[in-house]
Amino acid sequence: MARAYAATLLAVSAALLVSVATAQTCADELPSDLVGNYSGLACSPVWNNYVLRYAQDKDNVLRVVLSTMYSTGWVGMGFSKDGLMVGSSAMVGWMGKTGIAHIKQFSLGGKTPAQVVADKGFLVSNNHDHTVLVQQAKIYLAFQLKFPQQLKSQNVLFAFGSAVPVNDRLSIHQDMTSIKFDFTTGSSSSASAFPEGLKRTHGALNLFAWGVLLPIGAIVARYCRRWDPLWFYLHSGIQFVGFILGLAGTVAGVSLYNKIQANVPAHRGLGIFVLVLGILQTLAIFLRPKKDAKYRKFWNWYHHWVGRLALFFAAINIVLGIKVGGAGNSWKIGYGFNLGILLITIITLEVLLWTRWKNNSGSGY
């Protein structure tokens, strides 16, 4: 047992030593092929084993050497206006299966491979100034970009994929990060955790509230009236929780908009409209007449149809939000499955309700 423990300890220690020995640091020398055009660069470790070397000249030309550990796949560095992937442009390099090095600019128009287009983007460069080298299990992307003015604090993306691109088609990244990098001081801070996390929170809260809880509450109100007054307490409780969660999702959405100023007028407009309908529904509870009141039937009509209208437009806005937010297939499949279950449940219960009503009418009730 002692020998096995010692052997395991030695193996772990050896692995740690290899990891430390091969890790990227600013003390590593550049390959000789890059020294001529990329000497005298400032250096900063930025993410995992990524090391960024850079320098700007008086003509606002940024020289960059990005290096990291490499075995296969692609490595990229993007420049973003808001810290998000969509709408940014990136320099991506890789070693082809035939041993030919590639480096290209890509326009990141969306989160699917088809929306990531080679040889497009807003970066201004000279293709002859780009180089990719793989040496001692490390890849070096060296490129030069010209900007309208000196870069100071800039949103920068880093990502990698494990599959070698074919016909300039990038696979979905295996991992990525977004930082705000100061090219004057070399300091950096996280830029993506807040907006990306806030975007997921906004989507999850509203999807669960308007796409799950509130429809269930409406189903209880229409199809469970035989269990009076239990149905009323269930309906009120579920709708109250759903409205609070939806309100929290709206607050997250407002914070997200203030952070990134996303241009999504249709999604915002529908969201505000649905929120107003939800507030009106909540206020209507306090104005509910008694059962034998003269105006009770008008209140019932108003409450039923405003609620249905709110849920209908909420469903549209959830689909729209998934689209404009660039959510993955898991969101689309998950909400589609949820919507399908709700529709099947409503159709089944509606058929049962009408059948029971018809039977009761035929028996003289």
Protein backbone atom coordinates (compact mmCIF):
# COMPACT_ATOMS: atom_id res chain seq x y z
CA MET A 1 0.00 0.00 0.00
CA ALA A 2 2.87 2.39 0.90
CA ARG A 3 4.60 1.67 -2.42
CA ALA A 4 1.38 2.28 -4.35
CA TYR A 5 0.85 5.55 -2.49
CA ALA A 6 4.45 6.64 -3.15
CA ALA A 7 4.15 5.74 -6.85
CA THR A 8 0.93 7.72 -7.16
CA LEU A 9 2.51 10.69 -5.40
CA LEU A 10 5.52 10.58 -7.71
CA ALA A 11 3.28 10.38 -10.78
CA VAL A 12 1.24 13.38 -9.66
CA SER A 13 4.40 15.32 -8.83
CA ALA A 14 5.89 14.47 -12.21
CA ALA A 15 2.72 15.62 -13.96
CA LEU A 16 2.79 18.88 -12.03
CA LEU A 17 6.44 19.41 -12.91
CA VAL A 18 5.75 18.78 -16.59
CA SER A 19 2.80 21.16 -16.44
CA VAL A 20 4.90 23.87 -14.83
CA ALA A 21 7.78 23.27 -17.22
CA THR A 22 5.61 23.49 -20.30
CA ALA A 23 3.35 26.32 -19.12
CA GLN A 24 3.47 29.52 -21.11
CA THR A 25 5.24 32.45 -19.42
CA CYS A 26 6.62 35.80 -20.51
CA ALA A 27 10.11 34.46 -19.79
CA ASP A 28 9.86 32.16 -22.83
CA GLU A 29 11.80 33.39 -25.84
CA LEU A 30 10.06 33.95 -29.15
CA PRO A 31 10.90 31.61 -32.03
CA SER A 32 13.74 32.97 -34.15
CA ASP A 33 11.42 33.35 -37.16
CA LEU A 34 9.42 35.98 -35.26
CA VAL A 35 12.22 37.96 -33.66
CA GLY A 36 12.77 40.23 -36.67
CA ASN A 37 9.26 41.68 -36.92
CA TYR A 38 8.07 41.11 -33.37
CA SER A 39 10.88 42.09 -31.03
CA GLY A 40 10.51 44.60 -28.21
CA LEU A 41 6.95 43.62 -27.32
CA ALA A 42 5.31 44.04 -23.94
CA CYS A 43 4.05 40.78 -22.47
CA SER A 44 1.19 39.70 -20.25
CA PRO A 45 -0.33 36.30 -19.32
CA VAL A 46 -4.05 36.67 -20.05
CA TRP A 47 -5.95 33.39 -19.68
CA ASN A 48 -5.03 29.79 -18.83
CA ASN A 49 -1.79 29.23 -20.79
CA TYR A 50 -2.41 32.16 -23.13
CA VAL A 51 0.37 34.75 -23.28
CA LEU A 52 -0.18 38.03 -25.11
CA ARG A 53 2.76 40.01 -26.48
CA TYR A 54 1.95 43.36 -28.03
CA ALA A 55 3.18 46.80 -29.07
CA GLN A 56 1.67 49.86 -30.76
CA ASP A 57 3.54 52.35 -32.92
CA LYS A 58 2.90 56.00 -33.77
CA ASP A 59 0.85 54.94 -36.83
CA ASN A 60 -1.61 53.04 -34.58
CA VAL A 61 -0.40 49.67 -35.86
CA LEU A 62 -0.77 46.98 -33.22
CA ARG A 63 1.71 44.12 -33.37
CA VAL A 64 0.54 40.99 -31.57
CA VAL A 65 1.99 37.58 -30.79
CA LEU A 66 -0.48 35.27 -29.07
CA SER A 67 0.94 31.98 -27.81
CA THR A 68 -0.42 28.98 -25.95
CA MET A 69 -0.06 25.22 -25.63
CA TYR A 70 -1.17 23.40 -28.77
CA SER A 71 -1.74 19.91 -30.13
CA THR A 72 -4.52 20.29 -32.70
CA GLY A 73 -7.54 22.43 -33.55
CA TRP A 74 -7.64 26.23 -33.75
CA VAL A 75 -6.76 29.19 -31.53
CA GLY A 76 -8.26 32.67 -31.81
CA MET A 77 -8.15 36.21 -30.49
CA GLY A 78 -11.11 38.50 -31.11
CA PHE A 79 -11.78 42.21 -30.79
CA SER A 80 -15.24 43.15 -29.53
CA LYS A 81 -17.13 46.40 -29.04
CA ASP A 82 -19.19 45.15 -26.11
CA GLY A 83 -17.35 42.13 -24.72
CA LEU A 84 -19.66 39.68 -26.50
CA MET A 85 -18.83 37.24 -29.28
CA VAL A 86 -21.58 38.19 -31.71
CA GLY A 87 -20.61 41.22 -33.76
CA SER A 88 -16.87 40.92 -33.12
CA SER A 89 -13.98 40.08 -35.45
CA ALA A 90 -11.20 37.63 -34.68
CA MET A 91 -7.80 36.49 -35.89
CA VAL A 92 -7.73 32.68 -35.89
CA GLY A 93 -4.80 30.39 -36.56
CA TRP A 94 -4.28 26.65 -36.88
CA MET A 95 -2.04 23.99 -38.34
CA GLY A 96 -3.76 22.11 -41.14
CA LYS A 97 -3.85 18.34 -41.42
CA THR A 98 -1.24 18.49 -44.19
CA GLY A 99 1.12 20.57 -42.05
CA ILE A 100 0.30 23.91 -43.67
CA ALA A 101 -0.18 26.82 -41.27
CA HIS A 102 -3.27 29.04 -41.62
CA ILE A 103 -4.25 32.39 -40.13
CA LYS A 104 -7.34 34.30 -41.17
CA GLN A 105 -9.70 37.01 -40.01
CA PHE A 106 -13.24 35.82 -39.18
CA SER A 107 -16.43 37.83 -38.78
CA LEU A 108 -18.38 36.46 -35.82
CA GLY A 109 -21.93 37.16 -36.95
CA GLY A 110 -23.50 34.53 -34.68
CA LYS A 111 -22.82 31.49 -32.54
CA THR A 112 -23.22 28.80 -35.19
CA PRO A 113 -20.38 27.74 -37.52
CA ALA A 114 -22.31 29.00 -40.55
CA GLN A 115 -22.39 32.52 -39.05
CA VAL A 116 -18.62 32.64 -38.53
CA VAL A 117 -17.30 33.79 -41.91
CA ALA A 118 -13.67 33.72 -43.04
CA ASP A 119 -11.95 36.73 -44.65
CA LYS A 120 -14.60 39.09 -43.30
CA GLY A 121 -14.64 41.51 -40.37
CA PHE A 122 -13.82 45.05 -39.31
CA LEU A 123 -10.12 44.50 -38.56
CA VAL A 124 -7.76 46.30 -40.94
CA SER A 125 -4.63 44.32 -41.70
CA ASN A 126 -2.03 43.32 -44.24
CA ASN A 127 -2.23 39.59 -44.89
CA HIS A 128 1.51 39.44 -45.56
CA ASP A 129 2.20 40.44 -41.96
CA HIS A 130 0.53 37.36 -40.46
CA THR A 131 2.40 34.24 -39.32
CA VAL A 132 1.56 31.00 -37.53
CA LEU A 133 4.26 28.80 -36.02
CA VAL A 134 4.02 25.59 -34.03
CA GLN A 135 7.15 24.83 -32.01
CA GLN A 136 7.68 22.60 -28.96
CA ALA A 137 3.95 21.94 -28.50
CA LYS A 138 3.19 25.67 -28.56
CA ILE A 139 1.42 27.71 -31.21
CA TYR A 140 2.29 31.32 -32.01
CA LEU A 141 -0.14 33.62 -33.83
CA ALA A 142 1.69 36.74 -35.02
CA PHE A 143 -0.24 39.50 -36.78
CA GLN A 144 -0.43 43.24 -37.28
CA LEU A 145 -3.60 45.34 -37.22
CA LYS A 146 -4.14 49.01 -37.91
CA PHE A 147 -6.65 50.97 -35.82
CA PRO A 148 -8.02 54.51 -36.19
CA GLN A 149 -6.41 55.46 -32.88
CA GLN A 150 -4.23 54.05 -30.14
CA LEU A 151 -5.91 51.19 -28.29
CA LYS A 152 -6.35 51.73 -24.59
CA SER A 153 -8.98 49.65 -22.77
CA GLN A 154 -10.30 47.11 -25.28
CA ASN A 155 -12.70 44.16 -25.03
CA VAL A 156 -10.75 41.10 -26.18
CA LEU A 157 -11.91 37.52 -26.70
CA PHE A 158 -9.83 34.36 -26.48
CA ALA A 159 -11.06 30.95 -27.60
CA PHE A 160 -9.95 27.57 -28.89
CA GLY A 161 -11.50 24.60 -30.65
CA SER A 162 -10.32 21.01 -30.75
CA ALA A 163 -11.21 20.27 -34.41
CA VAL A 164 -8.99 21.32 -37.31
CA PRO A 165 -11.00 23.70 -39.57
CA VAL A 166 -12.02 22.31 -42.96
CA ASN A 167 -12.69 24.74 -45.81
CA ASP A 168 -12.24 27.63 -43.35
CA ARG A 169 -15.22 26.43 -41.28
CA LEU A 170 -14.55 26.70 -37.54
CA SER A 171 -16.02 24.19 -35.13
CA ILE A 172 -17.81 25.48 -32.02
CA HIS A 173 -15.23 26.59 -29.47
CA GLN A 174 -14.36 24.22 -26.66
CA ASP A 175 -13.82 27.12 -24.28
CA MET A 176 -13.64 30.90 -24.44
CA THR A 177 -13.32 34.00 -22.30
CA SER A 178 -13.78 37.73 -22.68
CA ILE A 179 -11.61 40.27 -20.89
CA LYS A 180 -11.13 44.01 -20.93
CA PHE A 181 -7.45 44.48 -21.68
CA ASP A 182 -5.61 47.77 -21.22
CA PHE A 183 -2.96 48.02 -23.96
CA THR A 184 -1.31 50.97 -22.17
CA THR A 185 -0.77 49.28 -18.78
CA GLY A 186 -1.06 45.56 -19.57
CA SER A 187 -3.77 45.06 -16.94
CA SER A 188 -6.94 43.08 -17.58
CA SER A 189 -10.28 42.34 -15.98
CA SER A 190 -13.12 39.97 -16.76
CA ALA A 191 -15.57 41.40 -19.26
CA SER A 192 -17.82 38.46 -20.05
CA ALA A 193 -18.85 36.93 -16.74
CA PHE A 194 -21.25 39.75 -15.88
CA PRO A 195 -23.15 40.21 -19.18
CA GLU A 196 -23.16 36.52 -20.09
CA GLY A 197 -24.30 35.46 -16.62
CA LEU A 198 -26.87 38.24 -16.56
CA LYS A 199 -28.15 37.22 -19.98
CA ARG A 200 -28.63 33.61 -18.82
CA THR A 201 -30.34 34.81 -15.63
CA HIS A 202 -32.69 37.06 -17.61
CA GLY A 203 -33.58 34.25 -20.00
CA ALA A 204 -33.95 31.52 -17.38
CA LEU A 205 -36.14 33.58 -15.04
CA ASN A 206 -38.50 34.74 -17.77
CA LEU A 207 -38.68 31.36 -19.47
CA PHE A 208 -39.54 29.63 -16.19
CA ALA A 209 -42.00 32.34 -15.13
CA TRP A 210 -43.80 33.10 -18.41
CA GLY A 211 -43.16 29.79 -20.12
CA VAL A 212 -43.84 27.34 -17.28
CA LEU A 213 -45.38 28.68 -14.06
CA LEU A 214 -47.89 31.22 -15.39
CA PRO A 215 -49.30 28.84 -18.05
CA ILE A 216 -49.70 26.16 -15.37
CA GLY A 217 -51.54 28.67 -13.18
CA ALA A 218 -53.88 29.49 -16.06
CA ILE A 219 -54.51 25.79 -16.68
CA VAL A 220 -55.44 25.33 -13.02
CA ALA A 221 -57.92 28.23 -13.23
CA ARG A 222 -59.70 26.86 -16.30
CA TYR A 223 -59.74 23.11 -15.73
CA CYS A 224 -59.69 22.60 -11.95
CA ARG A 225 -62.72 24.62 -10.84
CA ARG A 226 -64.46 21.47 -9.56
CA TRP A 227 -62.08 21.54 -6.60
CA ASP A 228 -63.30 24.80 -5.10
CA PRO A 229 -61.75 26.69 -3.31
CA LEU A 230 -58.48 24.76 -3.73
CA TRP A 231 -58.17 25.74 -7.39
CA PHE A 232 -58.34 29.43 -6.48
CA TYR A 233 -55.57 29.24 -3.89
CA LEU A 234 -53.40 27.20 -6.25
CA HIS A 235 -54.05 29.60 -9.12
CA SER A 236 -53.33 32.69 -7.01
CA GLY A 237 -50.19 31.25 -5.45
CA ILE A 238 -48.70 29.98 -8.71
CA GLN A 239 -49.46 33.25 -10.54
CA PHE A 240 -47.99 35.32 -7.72
CA VAL A 241 -44.71 33.35 -7.72
CA GLY A 242 -44.61 33.43 -11.52
CA PHE A 243 -45.16 37.18 -11.63
CA ILE A 244 -42.41 37.84 -9.04
CA LEU A 245 -39.94 35.68 -10.98
CA GLY A 246 -40.94 37.39 -14.23
CA LEU A 247 -40.43 40.77 -12.58
CA ALA A 248 -36.98 39.68 -11.42
CA GLY A 249 -36.23 38.55 -14.98
CA THR A 250 -37.28 41.98 -16.26
CA VAL A 251 -34.96 43.71 -13.77
CA ALA A 252 -32.12 41.48 -15.03
CA GLY A 253 -33.06 42.41 -18.59
CA VAL A 254 -32.96 46.14 -17.84
CA SER A 255 -29.54 45.74 -16.19
CA LEU A 256 -28.33 43.76 -19.20
CA TYR A 257 -29.54 46.44 -21.61
CA ASN A 258 -27.82 49.17 -19.58
CA LYS A 259 -24.63 47.12 -19.73
CA ILE A 260 -24.46 46.23 -23.44
CA GLN A 261 -27.05 48.53 -25.08
CA ALA A 262 -28.26 45.67 -27.29
CA ASN A 263 -30.25 46.70 -30.36
CA VAL A 264 -33.31 44.46 -29.89
CA PRO A 265 -36.32 46.80 -30.17
CA ALA A 266 -38.87 44.05 -30.92
CA HIS A 267 -37.80 41.95 -27.91
CA ARG A 268 -37.74 44.97 -25.60
CA GLY A 269 -41.09 46.27 -26.87
CA LEU A 270 -42.84 42.92 -26.44
CA GLY A 271 -41.26 42.50 -23.02
CA ILE A 272 -42.60 45.86 -21.84
CA PHE A 273 -46.04 45.08 -23.28
CA VAL A 274 -46.20 41.69 -21.54
CA LEU A 275 -45.00 43.23 -18.26
CA VAL A 276 -47.76 45.88 -18.41
CA LEU A 277 -50.37 43.16 -19.01
CA GLY A 278 -48.96 41.21 -16.06
CA ILE A 279 -49.18 44.28 -13.81
CA LEU A 280 -52.77 44.90 -14.91
CA GLN A 281 -53.63 41.27 -14.10
CA THR A 282 -52.13 41.63 -10.65
CA LEU A 283 -53.94 44.89 -9.96
CA ALA A 284 -57.22 43.35 -11.15
CA ILE A 285 -57.12 40.93 -8.21
CA PHE A 286 -57.66 43.86 -5.82
CA LEU A 287 -60.64 45.09 -7.89
CA ARG A 288 -62.40 41.73 -8.19
CA PRO A 289 -66.15 42.11 -7.54
CA LYS A 290 -68.07 39.59 -5.44
CA LYS A 291 -69.55 36.57 -7.23
CA ASP A 292 -73.07 37.99 -7.22
CA ALA A 293 -71.98 41.51 -8.22
CA LYS A 294 -73.48 43.07 -11.33
CA TYR A 295 -70.12 43.63 -13.00
CA ARG A 296 -68.55 40.27 -12.12
CA LYS A 297 -69.04 38.80 -15.60
CA PHE A 298 -67.24 41.77 -17.19
CA TRP A 299 -64.37 41.39 -14.75
CA ASN A 300 -64.17 37.67 -15.56
CA TRP A 301 -64.07 38.41 -19.30
CA TYR A 302 -61.35 41.00 -18.83
CA HIS A 303 -59.25 38.82 -16.51
CA HIS A 304 -59.46 35.72 -18.71
CA TRP A 305 -58.63 37.37 -22.03
CA VAL A 306 -55.93 39.76 -20.80
CA GLY A 307 -54.23 36.78 -19.16
CA ARG A 308 -54.39 34.73 -22.35
CA LEU A 309 -53.11 37.67 -24.38
CA ALA A 310 -50.18 38.10 -21.99
CA LEU A 311 -49.23 34.41 -22.19
CA PHE A 312 -49.52 34.41 -26.00
CA PHE A 313 -47.19 37.38 -26.47
CA ALA A 314 -44.88 36.06 -23.73
CA ALA A 315 -44.44 32.83 -25.71
CA ILE A 316 -43.59 34.84 -28.83
CA ASN A 317 -41.11 36.95 -26.88
CA ILE A 318 -39.41 33.91 -25.37
CA VAL A 319 -38.78 32.53 -28.86
CA LEU A 320 -37.57 35.94 -29.99
CA GLY A 321 -35.31 36.25 -26.94
CA ILE A 322 -33.74 32.84 -27.59
CA LYS A 323 -33.03 33.96 -31.15
CA VAL A 324 -31.60 37.44 -30.50
CA GLY A 325 -29.68 36.20 -27.46
CA GLY A 326 -27.85 33.61 -29.55
CA ALA A 327 -28.85 30.82 -27.16
CA GLY A 328 -27.77 27.32 -28.06
CA ASN A 329 -29.83 24.38 -29.25
CA SER A 330 -30.41 23.23 -25.67
CA TRP A 331 -32.56 26.33 -25.02
CA LYS A 332 -34.50 25.85 -28.25
CA ILE A 333 -35.09 22.14 -27.67
CA GLY A 334 -35.94 22.65 -24.00
CA TYR A 335 -38.50 25.38 -24.60
CA GLY A 336 -39.92 23.58 -27.64
CA PHE A 337 -40.42 20.44 -25.55
CA ASN A 338 -42.01 22.46 -22.75
CA LEU A 339 -44.34 24.24 -25.18
CA GLY A 340 -45.33 20.94 -26.77
CA ILE A 341 -46.22 19.40 -23.39
CA LEU A 342 -48.31 22.46 -22.47
CA LEU A 343 -50.21 22.42 -25.78
CA ILE A 344 -50.92 18.67 -25.55
CA THR A 345 -52.12 19.10 -21.96
CA ILE A 346 -54.40 22.03 -22.87
CA ILE A 347 -55.92 20.25 -25.88
CA THR A 348 -56.56 17.10 -23.84
CA LEU A 349 -58.13 18.98 -20.93
CA GLU A 350 -60.20 21.15 -23.28
CA VAL A 351 -61.63 18.07 -25.02
CA LEU A 352 -62.46 16.52 -21.63
CA LEU A 353 -64.07 19.77 -20.47
CA TRP A 354 -66.28 20.06 -23.54
CA THR A 355 -67.20 16.39 -23.37
CA ARG A 356 -68.24 16.73 -19.73
CA TRP A 357 -70.18 19.92 -20.51
CA LYS A 358 -71.99 18.21 -23.40
CA ASN A 359 -72.86 15.19 -21.28
CA ASN A 360 -74.16 17.40 -18.48
CA SER A 361 -76.27 19.41 -20.95
CA GLY A 362 -77.70 16.23 -22.48
CA SER A 363 -78.67 14.81 -19.10
CA GLY A 364 -80.76 17.89 -18.23
CA TYR A 365 -78.41 19.62 -15.80
